[in-house]
Protein backbone atom coordinates (compact mmCIF):
# COMPACT_ATOMS: atom_id res chain seq x y z
CA UNK A 1 117.97 -39.47 58.29
CA UNK A 2 120.59 -37.06 57.06
CA UNK A 3 124.24 -37.98 56.95
CA UNK A 4 124.90 -34.78 58.86
CA UNK A 5 124.71 -31.52 56.93
CA UNK A 6 121.59 -29.85 55.56
CA UNK A 7 121.07 -26.93 53.19
CA UNK A 8 121.58 -23.79 55.32
CA UNK A 9 119.32 -20.72 55.18
CA UNK A 10 120.65 -18.22 52.64
CA UNK A 11 120.07 -15.35 55.09
CA UNK A 12 122.73 -16.89 57.34
CA UNK A 13 125.29 -18.41 54.97
CA UNK A 14 126.85 -16.89 51.87
CA UNK A 15 125.97 -19.84 49.68
CA UNK A 16 128.01 -18.53 46.75
CA UNK A 17 131.12 -18.62 48.96
CA UNK A 18 130.15 -22.04 50.33
CA UNK A 19 129.74 -23.57 46.87
CA UNK A 20 132.64 -21.69 45.30
CA UNK A 21 135.37 -22.65 47.78
CA UNK A 22 136.88 -25.91 48.94
CA UNK A 23 135.80 -27.05 52.41
CA UNK A 24 137.54 -24.90 54.99
CA UNK A 25 139.59 -26.73 57.65
CA UNK A 26 140.19 -23.58 59.71
CA UNK A 27 137.52 -21.04 60.73
CA UNK A 28 136.64 -18.24 58.35
CA UNK A 29 134.23 -15.32 58.74
CA UNK A 30 133.69 -15.21 54.95
CA UNK A 31 130.95 -17.84 55.27
CA UNK A 32 128.51 -15.74 57.28
CA UNK A 33 126.04 -13.04 56.24
CA UNK A 34 125.52 -11.85 59.82
CA UNK A 35 127.75 -9.69 61.99
CA UNK A 36 129.92 -11.35 64.62
CA UNK A 37 127.85 -9.97 67.50
CA UNK A 38 124.70 -11.51 66.00
CA UNK A 39 126.24 -14.84 65.02
CA UNK A 40 125.29 -16.97 68.05
CA UNK A 41 121.63 -15.95 68.01
CA UNK A 42 121.45 -16.37 64.24
CA UNK A 43 122.97 -19.86 64.13
CA UNK A 44 120.82 -20.97 67.05
CA UNK A 45 117.68 -19.80 65.23
CA UNK A 46 118.79 -21.50 62.03
CA UNK A 47 119.61 -24.74 63.85
CA UNK A 48 116.16 -24.87 65.41
CA UNK A 49 114.54 -24.09 62.05
CA UNK A 50 116.30 -26.89 60.15
CA UNK A 51 115.68 -29.39 62.96
CA UNK A 52 111.95 -28.64 62.88
CA UNK A 53 112.05 -28.80 59.07
CA UNK A 54 113.53 -32.31 59.16
CA UNK A 55 110.68 -33.48 61.37
CA UNK A 56 108.11 -31.87 59.08
CA UNK A 57 109.66 -33.67 56.10
CA UNK A 58 109.16 -37.01 57.84
CA UNK A 59 112.70 -37.96 58.86
CA UNK A 60 112.86 -40.46 61.70
CA UNK A 61 116.24 -39.32 63.08
CA UNK A 62 117.38 -35.71 62.77
CA UNK A 63 120.68 -33.82 63.00
CA UNK A 64 121.51 -30.20 63.80
CA UNK A 65 122.20 -29.77 60.08
CA UNK A 66 125.82 -28.86 60.91
CA UNK A 67 124.67 -25.29 60.42
CA UNK A 68 127.52 -23.68 62.36
CA UNK A 69 130.33 -25.52 60.52
CA UNK A 70 131.95 -24.91 57.17
CA UNK A 71 133.19 -28.50 57.03
CA UNK A 72 132.74 -31.66 59.07
CA UNK A 73 136.15 -31.25 60.74
CA UNK A 74 136.78 -27.53 61.12
CA UNK A 75 134.69 -26.74 64.21
CA UNK A 76 135.75 -29.63 66.43
CA UNK A 77 139.44 -29.87 65.55
CA UNK A 78 140.05 -26.14 66.02
CA UNK A 79 138.43 -26.19 69.46
CA UNK A 80 141.11 -28.51 70.89
CA UNK A 81 144.06 -27.57 73.05
CA UNK A 82 147.32 -28.10 71.20
CA UNK A 83 146.08 -26.35 68.05
CA UNK A 84 147.78 -23.07 67.14
CA UNK A 85 144.75 -21.04 66.08
CA UNK A 86 146.84 -17.98 65.24
CA UNK A 87 149.09 -19.82 62.77
CA UNK A 88 147.37 -22.43 60.58
CA UNK A 89 149.43 -25.00 58.75
CA UNK A 90 148.99 -26.56 55.32
CA UNK A 91 148.27 -30.04 53.99
CA UNK A 92 147.40 -31.67 50.68
CA UNK A 93 143.68 -32.46 50.46
CA UNK A 94 142.21 -35.50 48.71
CA UNK A 95 141.61 -33.25 45.69
CA UNK A 96 145.36 -32.60 45.48
CA UNK A 97 145.02 -28.96 46.50
CA UNK A 98 147.18 -27.44 49.23
CA UNK A 99 144.79 -26.12 51.89
CA UNK A 100 145.03 -24.39 55.26
CA UNK A 101 144.63 -26.87 58.14
CA UNK A 102 145.02 -26.82 61.93
CA UNK A 103 148.62 -26.72 63.10
CA UNK A 104 149.39 -29.07 66.01
CA UNK A 105 151.80 -27.23 68.29
CA UNK A 106 151.24 -29.05 71.60
CA UNK A 107 149.49 -32.01 73.23
CA UNK A 108 145.94 -32.51 71.95
CA UNK A 109 143.25 -32.25 74.61
CA UNK A 110 139.54 -31.45 74.60
CA UNK A 111 139.18 -28.37 76.80
CA UNK A 112 135.39 -28.39 77.01
CA UNK A 113 132.36 -29.83 75.20
CA UNK A 114 132.09 -28.62 71.61
CA UNK A 115 128.76 -29.91 70.25
CA UNK A 116 126.92 -30.73 73.49
CA UNK A 117 125.31 -27.30 73.80
CA UNK A 118 124.05 -27.53 70.22
CA UNK A 119 122.58 -30.96 70.91
CA UNK A 120 120.84 -29.67 74.03
CA UNK A 121 119.40 -26.76 72.01
CA UNK A 122 117.91 -29.12 69.43
CA UNK A 123 116.56 -31.53 72.04
CA UNK A 124 114.87 -28.65 73.89
CA UNK A 125 112.84 -27.78 70.77
CA UNK A 126 112.30 -31.06 68.90
CA UNK A 127 111.06 -34.38 70.29
CA UNK A 128 112.89 -36.67 67.87
CA UNK A 129 115.93 -38.94 68.06
CA UNK A 130 119.06 -36.90 67.41
CA UNK A 131 122.27 -37.94 65.65
CA UNK A 132 125.35 -35.78 66.20
CA UNK A 133 128.37 -36.01 63.91
CA UNK A 134 132.02 -35.61 64.90
CA UNK A 135 135.17 -35.80 62.75
CA UNK A 136 136.93 -39.15 63.04
CA UNK A 137 140.45 -39.34 64.47
CA UNK A 138 142.09 -40.87 61.40
CA UNK A 139 140.70 -38.22 59.06
CA UNK A 140 141.53 -35.37 61.45
CA UNK A 141 145.11 -36.65 61.64
CA UNK A 142 145.31 -36.43 57.83
CA UNK A 143 144.02 -32.86 57.96
CA UNK A 144 146.53 -31.48 60.46
CA UNK A 145 150.00 -30.01 60.08
CA UNK A 146 151.70 -31.85 62.92
CA UNK A 147 154.66 -30.09 64.51
CA UNK A 148 154.34 -31.80 67.90
CA UNK A 149 153.77 -35.57 67.72
CA UNK A 150 155.44 -36.05 64.31
CA UNK A 151 153.80 -39.47 64.22
CA UNK A 152 150.43 -39.90 62.48
CA UNK A 153 149.34 -42.82 64.60
CA UNK A 154 150.20 -41.11 67.88
CA UNK A 155 148.38 -37.96 66.75
CA UNK A 156 145.34 -40.01 65.75
CA UNK A 157 145.19 -41.67 69.19
CA UNK A 158 145.31 -38.28 70.90
CA UNK A 159 142.50 -37.06 68.66
CA UNK A 160 140.57 -40.26 69.37
CA UNK A 161 140.69 -39.54 73.11
CA UNK A 162 139.25 -36.06 72.46
CA UNK A 163 136.45 -37.53 70.31
CA UNK A 164 135.74 -40.14 72.99
CA UNK A 165 135.31 -37.47 75.67
CA UNK A 166 132.89 -35.56 73.44
CA UNK A 167 130.95 -38.72 72.59
CA UNK A 168 130.45 -39.56 76.26
CA UNK A 169 129.05 -36.11 77.02
CA UNK A 170 126.75 -36.25 74.00
CA UNK A 171 125.19 -39.53 75.07
CA UNK A 172 124.83 -38.20 78.62
CA UNK A 173 122.95 -35.19 77.19
CA UNK A 174 120.34 -37.45 75.56
CA UNK A 175 121.71 -37.87 72.03
CA UNK A 176 120.57 -41.13 70.37
CA UNK A 177 123.43 -41.62 67.89
CA UNK A 178 126.96 -40.34 67.56
CA UNK A 179 128.54 -40.58 64.12
CA UNK A 180 132.22 -40.14 63.35
CA UNK A 181 133.15 -39.04 59.84
CA UNK A 182 136.09 -40.87 58.27
CA UNK A 183 136.21 -40.05 54.53
CA UNK A 184 139.99 -40.41 54.42
CA UNK A 185 139.69 -44.15 54.99
CA UNK A 186 138.93 -44.24 51.26
CA UNK A 187 141.37 -41.52 50.23
CA UNK A 188 144.34 -43.12 52.00
CA UNK A 189 143.49 -46.80 52.54
CA UNK A 190 147.08 -47.99 53.02
CA UNK A 191 147.62 -45.65 55.95
CA UNK A 192 144.17 -46.55 57.23
CA UNK A 193 145.11 -50.22 57.41
CA UNK A 194 148.03 -49.35 59.68
CA UNK A 195 146.13 -47.74 62.55
CA UNK A 196 142.69 -46.33 61.64
CA UNK A 197 140.53 -49.04 63.21
CA UNK A 198 142.54 -48.86 66.43
CA UNK A 199 141.91 -45.11 66.56
CA UNK A 200 138.20 -45.56 65.81
CA UNK A 201 137.95 -48.19 68.55
CA UNK A 202 139.49 -45.79 71.06
CA UNK A 203 137.19 -42.96 69.94
CA UNK A 204 134.07 -45.11 70.47
CA UNK A 205 135.19 -46.93 73.61
CA UNK A 206 132.53 -47.09 76.32
CA UNK A 207 129.70 -45.82 74.09
CA UNK A 208 126.33 -45.89 75.85
CA UNK A 209 124.30 -45.23 72.68
CA UNK A 210 124.34 -46.19 69.03
CA UNK A 211 127.50 -45.37 67.10
CA UNK A 212 127.98 -44.79 63.37
CA UNK A 213 131.02 -44.56 61.12
CA UNK A 214 130.54 -42.58 57.91
CA UNK A 215 132.90 -42.92 54.95
CA UNK A 216 132.73 -41.58 51.42
CA UNK A 217 134.60 -40.44 48.31
CA UNK A 218 134.23 -36.70 48.88
CA UNK A 219 131.48 -34.13 48.44
CA UNK A 220 129.57 -34.48 45.18
CA UNK A 221 129.98 -30.72 44.75
CA UNK A 222 133.68 -31.30 44.04
CA UNK A 223 134.15 -34.98 43.15
CA UNK A 224 132.13 -36.00 40.10
CA UNK A 225 133.79 -39.20 38.92
CA UNK A 226 133.51 -41.64 41.79
CA UNK A 227 134.42 -45.33 41.72
CA UNK A 228 131.72 -47.97 42.06
CA UNK A 229 133.51 -49.64 44.97
CA UNK A 230 135.36 -48.72 48.16
CA UNK A 231 139.06 -49.56 48.62
CA UNK A 232 138.64 -49.74 52.40
CA UNK A 233 135.32 -51.46 53.01
CA UNK A 234 135.49 -55.09 54.11
CA UNK A 235 137.70 -53.84 56.95
CA UNK A 236 134.73 -51.88 58.31
CA UNK A 237 133.10 -55.15 59.38
CA UNK A 238 135.66 -55.18 62.21
CA UNK A 239 135.33 -51.56 63.29
CA UNK A 240 133.83 -50.58 66.63
CA UNK A 241 130.80 -48.73 65.22
CA UNK A 242 127.32 -50.27 65.27
CA UNK A 243 126.37 -48.79 61.88
CA UNK A 244 128.25 -47.96 58.69
CA UNK A 245 127.06 -44.92 56.71
CA UNK A 246 128.12 -44.81 53.06
CA UNK A 247 127.30 -42.86 49.94
CA UNK A 248 126.01 -45.03 47.11
CA UNK A 249 123.85 -42.88 44.83
CA UNK A 250 126.23 -40.66 42.86
CA UNK A 251 128.78 -43.45 42.45
CA UNK A 252 126.09 -46.04 41.59
CA UNK A 253 127.82 -48.27 44.13
CA UNK A 254 127.72 -52.01 43.50
CA UNK A 255 125.54 -52.96 46.47
CA UNK A 256 126.86 -56.51 46.57
CA UNK A 257 129.55 -55.07 48.82
CA UNK A 258 126.97 -54.77 51.60
CA UNK A 259 127.26 -58.52 52.11
CA UNK A 260 130.74 -57.79 53.52
CA UNK A 261 129.10 -56.14 56.56
CA UNK A 262 127.18 -59.11 57.99
CA UNK A 263 126.70 -57.68 61.50
CA UNK A 264 126.51 -53.93 60.91
CA UNK A 265 123.58 -51.62 60.45
CA UNK A 266 123.82 -49.82 57.11
CA UNK A 267 122.87 -46.19 56.52
CA UNK A 268 122.72 -46.14 52.73
CA UNK A 269 123.07 -43.03 50.60
CA UNK A 270 120.21 -43.02 48.07
CA UNK A 271 120.18 -39.32 47.04
CA UNK A 272 122.82 -37.82 44.74
CA UNK A 273 123.99 -34.56 46.32
CA UNK A 274 126.10 -33.75 43.28
CA UNK A 275 122.97 -33.20 41.18
CA UNK A 276 119.95 -30.91 41.49
CA UNK A 277 117.73 -33.50 39.82
CA UNK A 278 115.00 -34.81 42.12
CA UNK A 279 114.97 -38.60 42.40
CA UNK A 280 111.56 -40.25 42.16
CA UNK A 281 110.28 -42.35 45.07
CA UNK A 282 110.00 -45.28 42.64
CA UNK A 283 113.65 -45.02 41.59
CA UNK A 284 114.77 -44.81 45.22
CA UNK A 285 112.58 -47.78 46.17
CA UNK A 286 114.08 -49.82 43.35
CA UNK A 287 117.57 -49.04 44.64
CA UNK A 288 116.57 -49.96 48.19
CA UNK A 289 115.16 -53.26 46.92
CA UNK A 290 118.65 -54.01 45.53
CA UNK A 291 120.17 -53.31 48.94
CA UNK A 292 117.69 -55.63 50.63
CA UNK A 293 119.16 -58.51 48.66
CA UNK A 294 122.23 -58.17 50.91
CA UNK A 295 121.01 -56.46 54.10
CA UNK A 296 117.85 -57.35 56.06
CA UNK A 297 115.34 -54.57 56.48
CA UNK A 298 116.00 -54.48 60.23
CA UNK A 299 119.58 -53.32 59.56
CA UNK A 300 118.90 -50.79 56.78
CA UNK A 301 118.30 -47.03 57.03
CA UNK A 302 118.12 -44.46 54.22
CA UNK A 303 120.01 -41.21 53.90
CA UNK A 304 121.33 -38.88 51.19
CA UNK A 305 124.90 -39.10 50.02
CA UNK A 306 126.90 -36.62 52.10
CA UNK A 307 127.09 -32.92 51.31
CA UNK A 308 123.44 -31.85 51.30
CA UNK A 309 124.59 -28.41 52.49
CA UNK A 310 125.69 -27.59 48.93
CA UNK A 311 122.17 -27.94 47.52
CA UNK A 312 119.60 -25.15 47.28
CA UNK A 313 117.21 -25.58 50.18
CA UNK A 314 114.14 -26.27 48.04
CA UNK A 315 116.06 -28.95 46.15
CA UNK A 316 117.18 -30.55 49.40
CA UNK A 317 113.62 -30.57 50.70
CA UNK A 318 112.28 -32.15 47.52
CA UNK A 319 114.94 -34.86 47.56
CA UNK A 320 114.20 -35.71 51.19
CA UNK A 321 110.45 -35.87 50.50
CA UNK A 322 111.18 -38.38 47.75
CA UNK A 323 113.34 -40.46 50.09
CA UNK A 324 110.66 -40.46 52.78
CA UNK A 325 108.06 -41.36 50.14
CA UNK A 326 110.14 -44.32 49.00
CA UNK A 327 110.48 -45.57 52.58
CA UNK A 328 106.74 -45.26 53.15
CA UNK A 329 105.96 -47.21 49.98
CA UNK A 330 108.30 -50.02 50.95
CA UNK A 331 106.89 -50.17 54.48
CA UNK A 332 103.38 -50.40 53.06
CA UNK A 333 104.44 -53.14 50.66
CA UNK A 334 105.89 -55.19 53.49
CA UNK A 335 102.93 -54.70 55.83
């Protein structure tokens, strides 16, 4: 399966703007090649196309490709009550850059479903298990300019309640998995130890389907030198999610760390999204064999590292074919 995003059609997205700018945390029209009045029809068509494409490539679980988002957090966080959409704030990103972010000016509340309609669109066209991704409450709290709560933990809990409401509606709509994205667990591990797992637990409370927590070091498009270990990892064994999704390819992660997740499913990144080189099925299978030294096959799934949206579409397709080929070879070997 994908982590979340997929390479968007170039007729819809200005890929030079996408790859040449940092991830946007507030909406921008600069991303789109279509006029505003055509946007909804265009993104719906593109979403259906990439969902069908994932099935044709042999993925077992699909996503909507996150086609209508510039970043994992921008669409959901800016749809919430309490956000001043006319006056963005600023924050320091994990790259050290000062970026525009949502400004919290009042109590956070989910006004209406954000991703449910997209999920229903995909499920009406594709008969495959669907994973939907949402930004995690800890990471969203790091990417807000808070003028209301003035307390990171309190803000995170409010955001967690909004995520929880969305999660419940997604499962009710027929979604198989809901994933929350928490990259800032690794960027700010000391703060994460204070309250992140409590916020994640609240966000996933009452889940009626499979839940996933994704964490990473940042998009390979921007972060090239990644450590071979996570500073906030063993703690994930106690989080509320059923599965942990991590990138491992670009960083050449020491897979011995997987032994620290004795009861979790693992969605393992085996494709480097910071490179256009196409991995061979044999190389991927060798890497998966390493993972199986620490995780039983019943708890292991394969994915790219995050950030596939930054790749040319043909490159993304070729990488996914290689990943599917590696999985098929290993299934055959175990049969």
